[in-house]
């Protein structure tokens, strides 16, 4: 006697539809968030120029764009050749004054000897003493002027103002720079995303809102930390704080998704929708049986790991949708 085994699929077809186990889903309005995609730029929180404190020739330049520097690190050197001549001139003036001082001190000593013997007057002795004091004061003034010039020479070093990454170097080695001119721009203090949003959406932007960022290493979450009050060109700027933001390329553009509106929507599992002849249907329980109803589906949304589809028209809250 032969035994025939039907495939499980055929056995399932052999069971009447009314006897199959059906799973259902009760439709309830669910709050959903509408997202808008905009582009943001990676910006440094602090962007400070390393400026030349001395006018002259840039003889040394040790950094280029993209280098990491520490606060106070020498990144260049400006040399003003006039400073050496100024120091030489001051030294010559000091030497001349010292010679005049030595002569005035000799005259004062001679005048004191003559005054002790009653040959010269007290007035003449006071004049000699005053002359000595004048020369001493002039020497002190020149020495102070020399210290100022020496300090100017030490200010030829260009120092990094903060720790961070060099963003731009607008000059080259050998260039003539003026005092206060930018030698390099350093970005530091952390990095964030700067976004520009059309002004019609400003009312929906709230500080602290969660932001989705599509980065090169995958999707990450951020937080809206600041919305600027100034609207320029019909757009408003806002800052998004992102942990572990890739700052290798500053001002790189990154796709950001902003929460712009919250509303109620009808969501059903994607498995509940069937498509025939270009139309989408769902099975809705009606009394003891079910009926197929045409619907217009919208976007897919991930709800707790389940693929849900928004139903734009065709269903209302409270109906029971058969999923199996």
C-alpha atoms as a PDB file:
ATOM      1  CA  UNK A   1       0.000   0.000   0.000  1.00  0.00           C
ATOM      2  CA  UNK A   2       1.452   3.371  -1.060  1.00  0.00           C
ATOM      3  CA  UNK A   3       1.412   6.406   1.205  1.00  0.00           C
ATOM      4  CA  UNK A   4       1.212   9.891  -0.325  1.00  0.00           C
ATOM      5  CA  UNK A   5       2.409  12.925   1.660  1.00  0.00           C
ATOM      6  CA  UNK A   6       1.078  16.307   0.510  1.00  0.00           C
ATOM      7  CA  UNK A   7       3.376  19.324   0.834  1.00  0.00           C
ATOM      8  CA  UNK A   8       2.572  21.621   3.700  1.00  0.00           C
ATOM      9  CA  UNK A   9       1.647  24.421   1.289  1.00  0.00           C
ATOM     10  CA  UNK A  10      -1.001  22.213  -0.352  1.00  0.00           C
ATOM     11  CA  UNK A  11      -2.339  21.201   3.045  1.00  0.00           C
ATOM     12  CA  UNK A  12      -2.686  24.889   3.936  1.00  0.00           C
ATOM     13  CA  UNK A  13      -4.657  25.487   0.753  1.00  0.00           C
ATOM     14  CA  UNK A  14      -6.862  22.546   1.547  1.00  0.00           C
ATOM     15  CA  UNK A  15      -7.978  24.148   4.841  1.00  0.00           C
ATOM     16  CA  UNK A  16     -10.997  26.404   4.351  1.00  0.00           C
ATOM     17  CA  UNK A  17     -10.236  30.101   4.695  1.00  0.00           C
ATOM     18  CA  UNK A  18     -12.705  30.586   7.499  1.00  0.00           C
ATOM     19  CA  UNK A  19     -10.876  27.943   9.580  1.00  0.00           C
ATOM     20  CA  UNK A  20      -7.409  29.515   9.311  1.00  0.00           C
ATOM     21  CA  UNK A  21      -6.047  31.400  12.293  1.00  0.00           C
ATOM     22  CA  UNK A  22      -6.311  35.104  11.573  1.00  0.00           C
ATOM     23  CA  UNK A  23      -4.399  37.888  13.301  1.00  0.00           C
ATOM     24  CA  UNK A  24      -5.908  41.323  13.511  1.00  0.00           C
ATOM     25  CA  UNK A  25      -4.762  44.834  14.286  1.00  0.00           C
ATOM     26  CA  UNK A  26      -6.998  47.529  15.729  1.00  0.00           C
ATOM     27  CA  UNK A  27      -6.421  50.848  14.011  1.00  0.00           C
ATOM     28  CA  UNK A  28      -5.813  53.774  16.370  1.00  0.00           C
ATOM     29  CA  UNK A  29      -4.533  57.240  15.482  1.00  0.00           C
ATOM     30  CA  UNK A  30      -0.841  57.467  16.313  1.00  0.00           C
ATOM     31  CA  UNK A  31       1.232  60.619  16.758  1.00  0.00           C
ATOM     32  CA  UNK A  32       3.923  60.821  14.099  1.00  0.00           C
ATOM     33  CA  UNK A  33       6.665  63.346  13.381  1.00  0.00           C
ATOM     34  CA  UNK A  34       7.174  64.913   9.978  1.00  0.00           C
ATOM     35  CA  UNK A  35      10.858  65.331   9.158  1.00  0.00           C
ATOM     36  CA  UNK A  36      12.469  67.776   6.741  1.00  0.00           C
ATOM     37  CA  UNK A  37      15.860  67.090   5.194  1.00  0.00           C
ATOM     38  CA  UNK A  38      18.296  70.015   5.111  1.00  0.00           C
ATOM     39  CA  UNK A  39      22.048  70.248   4.786  1.00  0.00           C
ATOM     40  CA  UNK A  40      24.232  71.376   7.653  1.00  0.00           C
ATOM     41  CA  UNK A  41      27.898  72.342   7.737  1.00  0.00           C
ATOM     42  CA  UNK A  42      30.473  71.184  10.265  1.00  0.00           C
ATOM     43  CA  UNK A  43      31.749  74.278  12.069  1.00  0.00           C
ATOM     44  CA  UNK A  44      34.239  74.887  14.867  1.00  0.00           C
ATOM     45  CA  UNK A  45      32.824  76.439  18.034  1.00  0.00           C
ATOM     46  CA  UNK A  46      35.837  78.762  18.246  1.00  0.00           C
ATOM     47  CA  UNK A  47      37.572  80.035  15.130  1.00  0.00           C
ATOM     48  CA  UNK A  48      40.417  82.384  16.082  1.00  0.00           C
ATOM     49  CA  UNK A  49      43.051  83.977  13.875  1.00  0.00           C
ATOM     50  CA  UNK A  50      46.737  83.630  14.766  1.00  0.00           C
ATOM     51  CA  UNK A  51      47.942  87.136  13.940  1.00  0.00           C
ATOM     52  CA  UNK A  52      51.363  88.656  13.478  1.00  0.00           C
ATOM     53  CA  UNK A  53      52.177  90.992  16.357  1.00  0.00           C
ATOM     54  CA  UNK A  54      55.030  92.522  14.417  1.00  0.00           C
ATOM     55  CA  UNK A  55      55.310  93.832  10.870  1.00  0.00           C
ATOM     56  CA  UNK A  56      58.082  92.317   8.774  1.00  0.00           C
ATOM     57  CA  UNK A  57      59.062  89.268   6.726  1.00  0.00           C
ATOM     58  CA  UNK A  58      57.616  85.838   7.534  1.00  0.00           C
ATOM     59  CA  UNK A  59      60.850  83.815   7.714  1.00  0.00           C
ATOM     60  CA  UNK A  60      59.362  80.650   9.286  1.00  0.00           C
ATOM     61  CA  UNK A  61      55.999  78.889   8.810  1.00  0.00           C
ATOM     62  CA  UNK A  62      55.647  75.442  10.355  1.00  0.00           C
ATOM     63  CA  UNK A  63      51.946  74.592   9.790  1.00  0.00           C
ATOM     64  CA  UNK A  64      49.589  73.987   6.917  1.00  0.00           C
ATOM     65  CA  UNK A  65      45.845  73.401   6.569  1.00  0.00           C
ATOM     66  CA  UNK A  66      44.602  70.432   8.592  1.00  0.00           C
ATOM     67  CA  UNK A  67      47.450  70.333  11.128  1.00  0.00           C
ATOM     68  CA  UNK A  68      46.637  69.928  14.822  1.00  0.00           C
ATOM     69  CA  UNK A  69      48.210  72.533  17.130  1.00  0.00           C
ATOM     70  CA  UNK A  70      48.295  73.267  20.848  1.00  0.00           C
ATOM     71  CA  UNK A  71      47.582  76.630  22.456  1.00  0.00           C
ATOM     72  CA  UNK A  72      50.764  78.719  22.610  1.00  0.00           C
ATOM     73  CA  UNK A  73      52.613  76.572  20.069  1.00  0.00           C
ATOM     74  CA  UNK A  74      54.913  78.620  17.754  1.00  0.00           C
ATOM     75  CA  UNK A  75      53.651  78.283  14.187  1.00  0.00           C
ATOM     76  CA  UNK A  76      55.657  81.001  12.469  1.00  0.00           C
ATOM     77  CA  UNK A  77      58.190  83.768  12.906  1.00  0.00           C
ATOM     78  CA  UNK A  78      58.210  87.346  11.619  1.00  0.00           C
ATOM     79  CA  UNK A  79      61.504  89.229  11.426  1.00  0.00           C
ATOM     80  CA  UNK A  80      61.769  93.013  11.166  1.00  0.00           C
ATOM     81  CA  UNK A  81      65.330  93.869  10.130  1.00  0.00           C
ATOM     82  CA  UNK A  82      64.890  97.458  11.335  1.00  0.00           C
ATOM     83  CA  UNK A  83      64.837  96.264  14.935  1.00  0.00           C
ATOM     84  CA  UNK A  84      68.535  95.326  14.839  1.00  0.00           C
ATOM     85  CA  UNK A  85      69.389  98.806  13.564  1.00  0.00           C
ATOM     86  CA  UNK A  86      67.197 100.386  16.237  1.00  0.00           C
ATOM     87  CA  UNK A  87      69.030  98.414  18.943  1.00  0.00           C
ATOM     88  CA  UNK A  88      72.379  99.502  17.540  1.00  0.00           C
ATOM     89  CA  UNK A  89      71.254 103.150  17.510  1.00  0.00           C
ATOM     90  CA  UNK A  90      70.048 102.935  21.109  1.00  0.00           C
ATOM     91  CA  UNK A  91      73.323 101.313  22.204  1.00  0.00           C
ATOM     92  CA  UNK A  92      75.265 104.148  20.555  1.00  0.00           C
ATOM     93  CA  UNK A  93      73.118 106.746  22.345  1.00  0.00           C
ATOM     94  CA  UNK A  94      73.652 104.980  25.653  1.00  0.00           C
ATOM     95  CA  UNK A  95      77.424 104.881  25.084  1.00  0.00           C
ATOM     96  CA  UNK A  96      77.459 108.617  24.266  1.00  0.00           C
ATOM     97  CA  UNK A  97      75.426 109.448  27.354  1.00  0.00           C
ATOM     98  CA  UNK A  98      77.682 107.292  29.519  1.00  0.00           C
ATOM     99  CA  UNK A  99      80.702 109.210  28.252  1.00  0.00           C
ATOM    100  CA  UNK A 100      78.985 112.517  28.982  1.00  0.00           C
ATOM    101  CA  UNK A 101      78.013 111.192  32.409  1.00  0.00           C
ATOM    102  CA  UNK A 102      81.589 110.233  33.189  1.00  0.00           C
ATOM    103  CA  UNK A 103      82.770 113.729  32.188  1.00  0.00           C
ATOM    104  CA  UNK A 104      79.990 115.360  34.250  1.00  0.00           C
ATOM    105  CA  UNK A 105      80.895 113.234  37.276  1.00  0.00           C
ATOM    106  CA  UNK A 106      84.548 114.310  36.902  1.00  0.00           C
ATOM    107  CA  UNK A 107      83.474 117.964  36.734  1.00  0.00           C
ATOM    108  CA  UNK A 108      81.263 117.467  39.787  1.00  0.00           C
ATOM    109  CA  UNK A 109      84.127 115.921  41.756  1.00  0.00           C
ATOM    110  CA  UNK A 110      86.403 118.820  40.803  1.00  0.00           C
ATOM    111  CA  UNK A 111      83.692 121.322  41.753  1.00  0.00           C
ATOM    112  CA  UNK A 112      83.255 119.668  45.148  1.00  0.00           C
ATOM    113  CA  UNK A 113      87.006 119.998  45.793  1.00  0.00           C
ATOM    114  CA  UNK A 114      86.960 123.670  44.785  1.00  0.00           C
ATOM    115  CA  UNK A 115      83.881 124.281  46.920  1.00  0.00           C
ATOM    116  CA  UNK A 116      85.634 122.748  49.906  1.00  0.00           C
ATOM    117  CA  UNK A 117      88.446 125.274  49.473  1.00  0.00           C
ATOM    118  CA  UNK A 118      85.932 128.126  48.960  1.00  0.00           C
ATOM    119  CA  UNK A 119      86.999 128.790  45.378  1.00  0.00           C
ATOM    120  CA  UNK A 120      83.680 128.041  43.609  1.00  0.00           C
ATOM    121  CA  UNK A 121      80.128 128.969  44.480  1.00  0.00           C
ATOM    122  CA  UNK A 122      77.319 126.717  45.697  1.00  0.00           C
ATOM    123  CA  UNK A 123      75.261 127.664  42.637  1.00  0.00           C
ATOM    124  CA  UNK A 124      77.940 126.354  40.271  1.00  0.00           C
ATOM    125  CA  UNK A 125      78.201 123.124  42.296  1.00  0.00           C
ATOM    126  CA  UNK A 126      74.403 122.595  42.090  1.00  0.00           C
ATOM    127  CA  UNK A 127      74.526 123.062  38.310  1.00  0.00           C
ATOM    128  CA  UNK A 128      77.206 120.344  38.017  1.00  0.00           C
ATOM    129  CA  UNK A 129      75.185 118.019  40.240  1.00  0.00           C
ATOM    130  CA  UNK A 130      72.050 118.627  38.133  1.00  0.00           C
ATOM    131  CA  UNK A 131      73.943 117.854  34.955  1.00  0.00           C
ATOM    132  CA  UNK A 132      75.010 114.479  36.371  1.00  0.00           C
ATOM    133  CA  UNK A 133      71.403 113.644  37.294  1.00  0.00           C
ATOM    134  CA  UNK A 134      70.195 114.611  33.802  1.00  0.00           C
ATOM    135  CA  UNK A 135      72.672 112.290  32.122  1.00  0.00           C
ATOM    136  CA  UNK A 136      71.768 109.424  34.469  1.00  0.00           C
ATOM    137  CA  UNK A 137      68.052 109.897  33.737  1.00  0.00           C
ATOM    138  CA  UNK A 138      68.695 109.967  29.992  1.00  0.00           C
ATOM    139  CA  UNK A 139      70.637 106.708  30.209  1.00  0.00           C
ATOM    140  CA  UNK A 140      67.762 105.065  32.131  1.00  0.00           C
ATOM    141  CA  UNK A 141      65.315 106.270  29.489  1.00  0.00           C
ATOM    142  CA  UNK A 142      67.412 104.806  26.677  1.00  0.00           C
ATOM    143  CA  UNK A 143      67.783 101.514  28.540  1.00  0.00           C
ATOM    144  CA  UNK A 144      63.994 101.334  28.956  1.00  0.00           C
ATOM    145  CA  UNK A 145      63.573 102.095  25.243  1.00  0.00           C
ATOM    146  CA  UNK A 146      65.987  99.269  24.469  1.00  0.00           C
ATOM    147  CA  UNK A 147      63.877  96.823  26.523  1.00  0.00           C
ATOM    148  CA  UNK A 148      60.782  97.858  24.548  1.00  0.00           C
ATOM    149  CA  UNK A 149      62.599  97.208  21.272  1.00  0.00           C
ATOM    150  CA  UNK A 150      63.871  93.854  22.562  1.00  0.00           C
ATOM    151  CA  UNK A 151      60.294  92.914  23.476  1.00  0.00           C
ATOM    152  CA  UNK A 152      59.178  93.803  19.950  1.00  0.00           C
ATOM    153  CA  UNK A 153      61.822  91.438  18.597  1.00  0.00           C
ATOM    154  CA  UNK A 154      60.481  88.577  20.747  1.00  0.00           C
ATOM    155  CA  UNK A 155      56.934  89.272  19.482  1.00  0.00           C
ATOM    156  CA  UNK A 156      58.018  88.132  16.052  1.00  0.00           C
ATOM    157  CA  UNK A 157      56.912  84.591  16.999  1.00  0.00           C
ATOM    158  CA  UNK A 158      53.387  83.774  15.833  1.00  0.00           C
ATOM    159  CA  UNK A 159      51.630  81.587  18.434  1.00  0.00           C
ATOM    160  CA  UNK A 160      48.567  79.345  18.116  1.00  0.00           C
ATOM    161  CA  UNK A 161      45.764  81.101  20.062  1.00  0.00           C
ATOM    162  CA  UNK A 162      43.896  77.872  20.974  1.00  0.00           C
ATOM    163  CA  UNK A 163      44.276  74.133  20.680  1.00  0.00           C
ATOM    164  CA  UNK A 164      42.623  72.726  17.582  1.00  0.00           C
ATOM    165  CA  UNK A 165      42.948  72.230  13.840  1.00  0.00           C
ATOM    166  CA  UNK A 166      44.457  74.723  11.404  1.00  0.00           C
ATOM    167  CA  UNK A 167      41.635  75.739   9.062  1.00  0.00           C
ATOM    168  CA  UNK A 168      43.418  78.128   6.713  1.00  0.00           C
ATOM    169  CA  UNK A 169      46.867  79.589   6.089  1.00  0.00           C
ATOM    170  CA  UNK A 170      46.423  82.653   3.857  1.00  0.00           C
ATOM    171  CA  UNK A 171      50.123  83.576   3.665  1.00  0.00           C
ATOM    172  CA  UNK A 172      53.305  81.833   2.557  1.00  0.00           C
ATOM    173  CA  UNK A 173      56.835  81.719   3.880  1.00  0.00           C
ATOM    174  CA  UNK A 174      58.787  84.773   2.753  1.00  0.00           C
ATOM    175  CA  UNK A 175      55.723  87.012   2.559  1.00  0.00           C
ATOM    176  CA  UNK A 176      55.761  90.513   4.011  1.00  0.00           C
ATOM    177  CA  UNK A 177      53.066  90.863   6.680  1.00  0.00           C
ATOM    178  CA  UNK A 178      51.761  93.811   8.633  1.00  0.00           C
ATOM    179  CA  UNK A 179      51.187  93.894  12.380  1.00  0.00           C
ATOM    180  CA  UNK A 180      47.774  92.350  13.069  1.00  0.00           C
ATOM    181  CA  UNK A 181      47.631  90.427   9.778  1.00  0.00           C
ATOM    182  CA  UNK A 182      46.327  86.844   9.915  1.00  0.00           C
ATOM    183  CA  UNK A 183      48.955  84.142   9.460  1.00  0.00           C
ATOM    184  CA  UNK A 184      46.662  81.159  10.165  1.00  0.00           C
ATOM    185  CA  UNK A 185      43.145  80.472  11.420  1.00  0.00           C
ATOM    186  CA  UNK A 186      42.698  77.789  14.084  1.00  0.00           C
ATOM    187  CA  UNK A 187      39.378  76.107  14.879  1.00  0.00           C
ATOM    188  CA  UNK A 188      38.888  74.493  18.273  1.00  0.00           C
ATOM    189  CA  UNK A 189      36.687  74.223  21.308  1.00  0.00           C
ATOM    190  CA  UNK A 190      34.722  71.362  19.774  1.00  0.00           C
ATOM    191  CA  UNK A 191      32.687  71.075  16.590  1.00  0.00           C
ATOM    192  CA  UNK A 192      28.986  71.303  15.795  1.00  0.00           C
ATOM    193  CA  UNK A 193      26.606  71.398  12.848  1.00  0.00           C
ATOM    194  CA  UNK A 194      25.329  74.768  11.596  1.00  0.00           C
ATOM    195  CA  UNK A 195      22.069  74.437   9.665  1.00  0.00           C
ATOM    196  CA  UNK A 196      20.031  76.990   7.716  1.00  0.00           C
ATOM    197  CA  UNK A 197      16.253  76.511   7.727  1.00  0.00           C
ATOM    198  CA  UNK A 198      13.560  78.405   5.761  1.00  0.00           C
ATOM    199  CA  UNK A 199      11.865  80.967   7.974  1.00  0.00           C
ATOM    200  CA  UNK A 200       8.410  79.384   7.585  1.00  0.00           C
ATOM    201  CA  UNK A 201       9.629  76.508   9.768  1.00  0.00           C
ATOM    202  CA  UNK A 202      11.063  78.658  12.570  1.00  0.00           C
ATOM    203  CA  UNK A 203       7.969  78.256  14.769  1.00  0.00           C
ATOM    204  CA  UNK A 204       8.458  74.472  14.833  1.00  0.00           C
ATOM    205  CA  UNK A 205      12.125  74.562  15.869  1.00  0.00           C
ATOM    206  CA  UNK A 206      12.582  74.031  19.603  1.00  0.00           C
ATOM    207  CA  UNK A 207      15.875  73.903  21.470  1.00  0.00           C
ATOM    208  CA  UNK A 208      16.438  70.384  22.767  1.00  0.00           C
ATOM    209  CA  UNK A 209      14.677  68.643  19.843  1.00  0.00           C
ATOM    210  CA  UNK A 210      16.232  65.367  18.691  1.00  0.00           C
ATOM    211  CA  UNK A 211      17.885  65.608  15.268  1.00  0.00           C
ATOM    212  CA  UNK A 212      18.799  62.764  12.896  1.00  0.00           C
ATOM    213  CA  UNK A 213      22.070  63.066  10.980  1.00  0.00           C
ATOM    214  CA  UNK A 214      23.033  60.915   8.013  1.00  0.00           C
ATOM    215  CA  UNK A 215      26.818  60.834   8.361  1.00  0.00           C
ATOM    216  CA  UNK A 216      29.515  59.047   6.403  1.00  0.00           C
ATOM    217  CA  UNK A 217      29.680  56.384   9.135  1.00  0.00           C
ATOM    218  CA  UNK A 218      25.915  55.877   9.325  1.00  0.00           C
ATOM    219  CA  UNK A 219      22.953  57.561  10.978  1.00  0.00           C
ATOM    220  CA  UNK A 220      23.581  59.289  14.313  1.00  0.00           C
ATOM    221  CA  UNK A 221      21.451  61.423  16.610  1.00  0.00           C
ATOM    222  CA  UNK A 222      22.067  64.985  17.707  1.00  0.00           C
ATOM    223  CA  UNK A 223      20.330  67.732  19.672  1.00  0.00           C
ATOM    224  CA  UNK A 224      19.235  71.200  18.611  1.00  0.00           C
ATOM    225  CA  UNK A 225      21.032  73.476  21.074  1.00  0.00           C
ATOM    226  CA  UNK A 226      20.576  76.989  19.684  1.00  0.00           C
ATOM    227  CA  UNK A 227      18.256  78.813  17.290  1.00  0.00           C
ATOM    228  CA  UNK A 228      19.549  82.230  16.228  1.00  0.00           C
ATOM    229  CA  UNK A 229      17.034  85.108  16.279  1.00  0.00           C
ATOM    230  CA  UNK A 230      18.325  86.839  13.133  1.00  0.00           C
ATOM    231  CA  UNK A 231      16.641  85.902   9.848  1.00  0.00           C
ATOM    232  CA  UNK A 232      18.754  86.655   6.771  1.00  0.00           C
ATOM    233  CA  UNK A 233      17.680  85.973   3.210  1.00  0.00           C
ATOM    234  CA  UNK A 234      14.534  84.203   4.379  1.00  0.00           C
ATOM    235  CA  UNK A 235      16.450  81.628   6.417  1.00  0.00           C
ATOM    236  CA  UNK A 236      17.338  81.192  10.076  1.00  0.00           C
ATOM    237  CA  UNK A 237      20.502  79.552  11.419  1.00  0.00           C
ATOM    238  CA  UNK A 238      20.573  76.929  14.148  1.00  0.00           C
ATOM    239  CA  UNK A 239      23.271  74.842  15.831  1.00  0.00           C
ATOM    240  CA  UNK A 240      23.088  71.073  16.334  1.00  0.00           C
ATOM    241  CA  UNK A 241      25.290  69.372  18.932  1.00  0.00           C
ATOM    242  CA  UNK A 242      26.475  65.943  17.820  1.00  0.00           C
ATOM    243  CA  UNK A 243      28.599  63.606  19.983  1.00  0.00           C
ATOM    244  CA  UNK A 244      31.689  62.188  18.268  1.00  0.00           C
ATOM    245  CA  UNK A 245      31.199  64.393  15.209  1.00  0.00           C
ATOM    246  CA  UNK A 246      33.788  63.667  12.516  1.00  0.00           C
ATOM    247  CA  UNK A 247      35.791  66.916  12.267  1.00  0.00           C
ATOM    248  CA  UNK A 248      38.336  65.795   9.709  1.00  0.00           C
ATOM    249  CA  UNK A 249      36.760  68.126   7.154  1.00  0.00           C
ATOM    250  CA  UNK A 250      35.479  71.410   8.562  1.00  0.00           C
ATOM    251  CA  UNK A 251      32.550  72.969   6.623  1.00  0.00           C
ATOM    252  CA  UNK A 252      31.729  69.569   5.121  1.00  0.00           C
ATOM    253  CA  UNK A 253      28.024  69.277   4.277  1.00  0.00           C
ATOM    254  CA  UNK A 254      25.979  66.685   6.156  1.00  0.00           C
ATOM    255  CA  UNK A 255      22.336  65.700   5.622  1.00  0.00           C
ATOM    256  CA  UNK A 256      20.232  66.582   8.677  1.00  0.00           C
ATOM    257  CA  UNK A 257      16.590  65.667   9.320  1.00  0.00           C
ATOM    258  CA  UNK A 258      14.621  68.146  11.418  1.00  0.00           C
ATOM    259  CA  UNK A 259      11.324  67.463  13.252  1.00  0.00           C
ATOM    260  CA  UNK A 260       8.995  70.093  11.812  1.00  0.00           C
ATOM    261  CA  UNK A 261       5.489  68.925  12.798  1.00  0.00           C
ATOM    262  CA  UNK A 262       3.655  66.412  14.960  1.00  0.00           C
ATOM    263  CA  UNK A 263       0.307  65.055  13.845  1.00  0.00           C
ATOM    264  CA  UNK A 264      -1.939  62.021  14.181  1.00  0.00           C
ATOM    265  CA  UNK A 265      -1.855  59.373  11.470  1.00  0.00           C
ATOM    266  CA  UNK A 266      -3.337  55.948  10.762  1.00  0.00           C
ATOM    267  CA  UNK A 267      -0.601  53.291  10.676  1.00  0.00           C
ATOM    268  CA  UNK A 268      -0.983  49.615   9.736  1.00  0.00           C
ATOM    269  CA  UNK A 269       1.627  46.871   9.386  1.00  0.00           C
ATOM    270  CA  UNK A 270       3.080  46.622   5.907  1.00  0.00           C
ATOM    271  CA  UNK A 271       2.064  42.951   5.810  1.00  0.00           C
ATOM    272  CA  UNK A 272      -1.614  43.952   5.990  1.00  0.00           C
ATOM    273  CA  UNK A 273      -1.515  45.631   2.559  1.00  0.00           C
ATOM    274  CA  UNK A 274      -1.937  43.661  -0.637  1.00  0.00           C
ATOM    275  CA  UNK A 275      -1.661  45.084  -4.155  1.00  0.00           C
ATOM    276  CA  UNK A 276      -3.642  43.986  -7.193  1.00  0.00           C
ATOM    277  CA  UNK A 277      -4.009  45.711 -10.546  1.00  0.00           C
ATOM    278  CA  UNK A 278      -2.229  48.778  -9.251  1.00  0.00           C
ATOM    279  CA  UNK A 279      -4.569  49.197  -6.281  1.00  0.00           C
ATOM    280  CA  UNK A 280      -3.790  48.667  -2.602  1.00  0.00           C
ATOM    281  CA  UNK A 281      -6.205  46.794  -0.333  1.00  0.00           C
ATOM    282  CA  UNK A 282      -6.499  45.895   3.336  1.00  0.00           C
ATOM    283  CA  UNK A 283      -8.866  43.355   4.870  1.00  0.00           C
ATOM    284  CA  UNK A 284     -11.172  44.874   7.465  1.00  0.00           C
ATOM    285  CA  UNK A 285     -13.255  42.798   9.822  1.00  0.00           C
ATOM    286  CA  UNK A 286     -16.991  43.298   9.254  1.00  0.00           C
ATOM    287  CA  UNK A 287     -19.242  41.306  11.562  1.00  0.00           C
ATOM    288  CA  UNK A 288     -18.395  37.598  11.324  1.00  0.00           C
ATOM    289  CA  UNK A 289     -16.367  38.003   8.148  1.00  0.00           C
ATOM    290  CA  UNK A 290     -13.943  40.353   6.448  1.00  0.00           C
ATOM    291  CA  UNK A 291     -14.112  42.717   3.501  1.00  0.00           C
ATOM    292  CA  UNK A 292     -11.379  44.191   1.329  1.00  0.00           C
ATOM    293  CA  UNK A 293     -11.155  47.936   1.268  1.00  0.00           C
ATOM    294  CA  UNK A 294      -9.135  50.075  -1.149  1.00  0.00           C
ATOM    295  CA  UNK A 295      -6.670  52.424   0.588  1.00  0.00           C
ATOM    296  CA  UNK A 296      -4.074  54.998  -0.368  1.00  0.00           C
ATOM    297  CA  UNK A 297      -0.803  54.208   1.457  1.00  0.00           C
ATOM    298  CA  UNK A 298       1.816  56.773   2.370  1.00  0.00           C
ATOM    299  CA  UNK A 299       5.335  56.595   3.769  1.00  0.00           C
ATOM    300  CA  UNK A 300       6.833  53.640   5.611  1.00  0.00           C
ATOM    301  CA  UNK A 301       7.757  54.240   9.262  1.00  0.00           C
ATOM    302  CA  UNK A 302       9.701  52.100  11.684  1.00  0.00           C
ATOM    303  CA  UNK A 303       7.697  51.728  14.878  1.00  0.00           C
ATOM    304  CA  UNK A 304       9.540  49.687  17.521  1.00  0.00           C
ATOM    305  CA  UNK A 305      11.161  47.551  14.857  1.00  0.00           C
ATOM    306  CA  UNK A 306       7.921  46.949  12.908  1.00  0.00           C
ATOM    307  CA  UNK A 307       7.518  48.185   9.347  1.00  0.00           C
ATOM    308  CA  UNK A 308       4.376  50.330   9.461  1.00  0.00           C
ATOM    309  CA  UNK A 309       2.699  52.160   6.582  1.00  0.00           C
ATOM    310  CA  UNK A 310       0.710  55.356   6.917  1.00  0.00           C
ATOM    311  CA  UNK A 311      -2.779  55.124   5.409  1.00  0.00           C
ATOM    312  CA  UNK A 312      -3.741  58.462   3.916  1.00  0.00           C
ATOM    313  CA  UNK A 313      -7.339  57.562   3.028  1.00  0.00           C
ATOM    314  CA  UNK A 314      -9.493  54.462   3.374  1.00  0.00           C
ATOM    315  CA  UNK A 315      -9.374  53.779   7.117  1.00  0.00           C
ATOM    316  CA  UNK A 316     -10.525  55.478  10.276  1.00  0.00           C
ATOM    317  CA  UNK A 317      -9.658  54.937  13.902  1.00  0.00           C
ATOM    318  CA  UNK A 318     -11.210  51.949  15.715  1.00  0.00           C
ATOM    319  CA  UNK A 319     -11.462  49.575  12.738  1.00  0.00           C
ATOM    320  CA  UNK A 320      -9.964  46.101  12.953  1.00  0.00           C
ATOM    321  CA  UNK A 321      -7.540  45.215  10.156  1.00  0.00           C
ATOM    322  CA  UNK A 322      -6.772  41.566   9.467  1.00  0.00           C
ATOM    323  CA  UNK A 323      -3.042  41.048   8.992  1.00  0.00           C
ATOM    324  CA  UNK A 324      -3.003  37.290   8.321  1.00  0.00           C
END
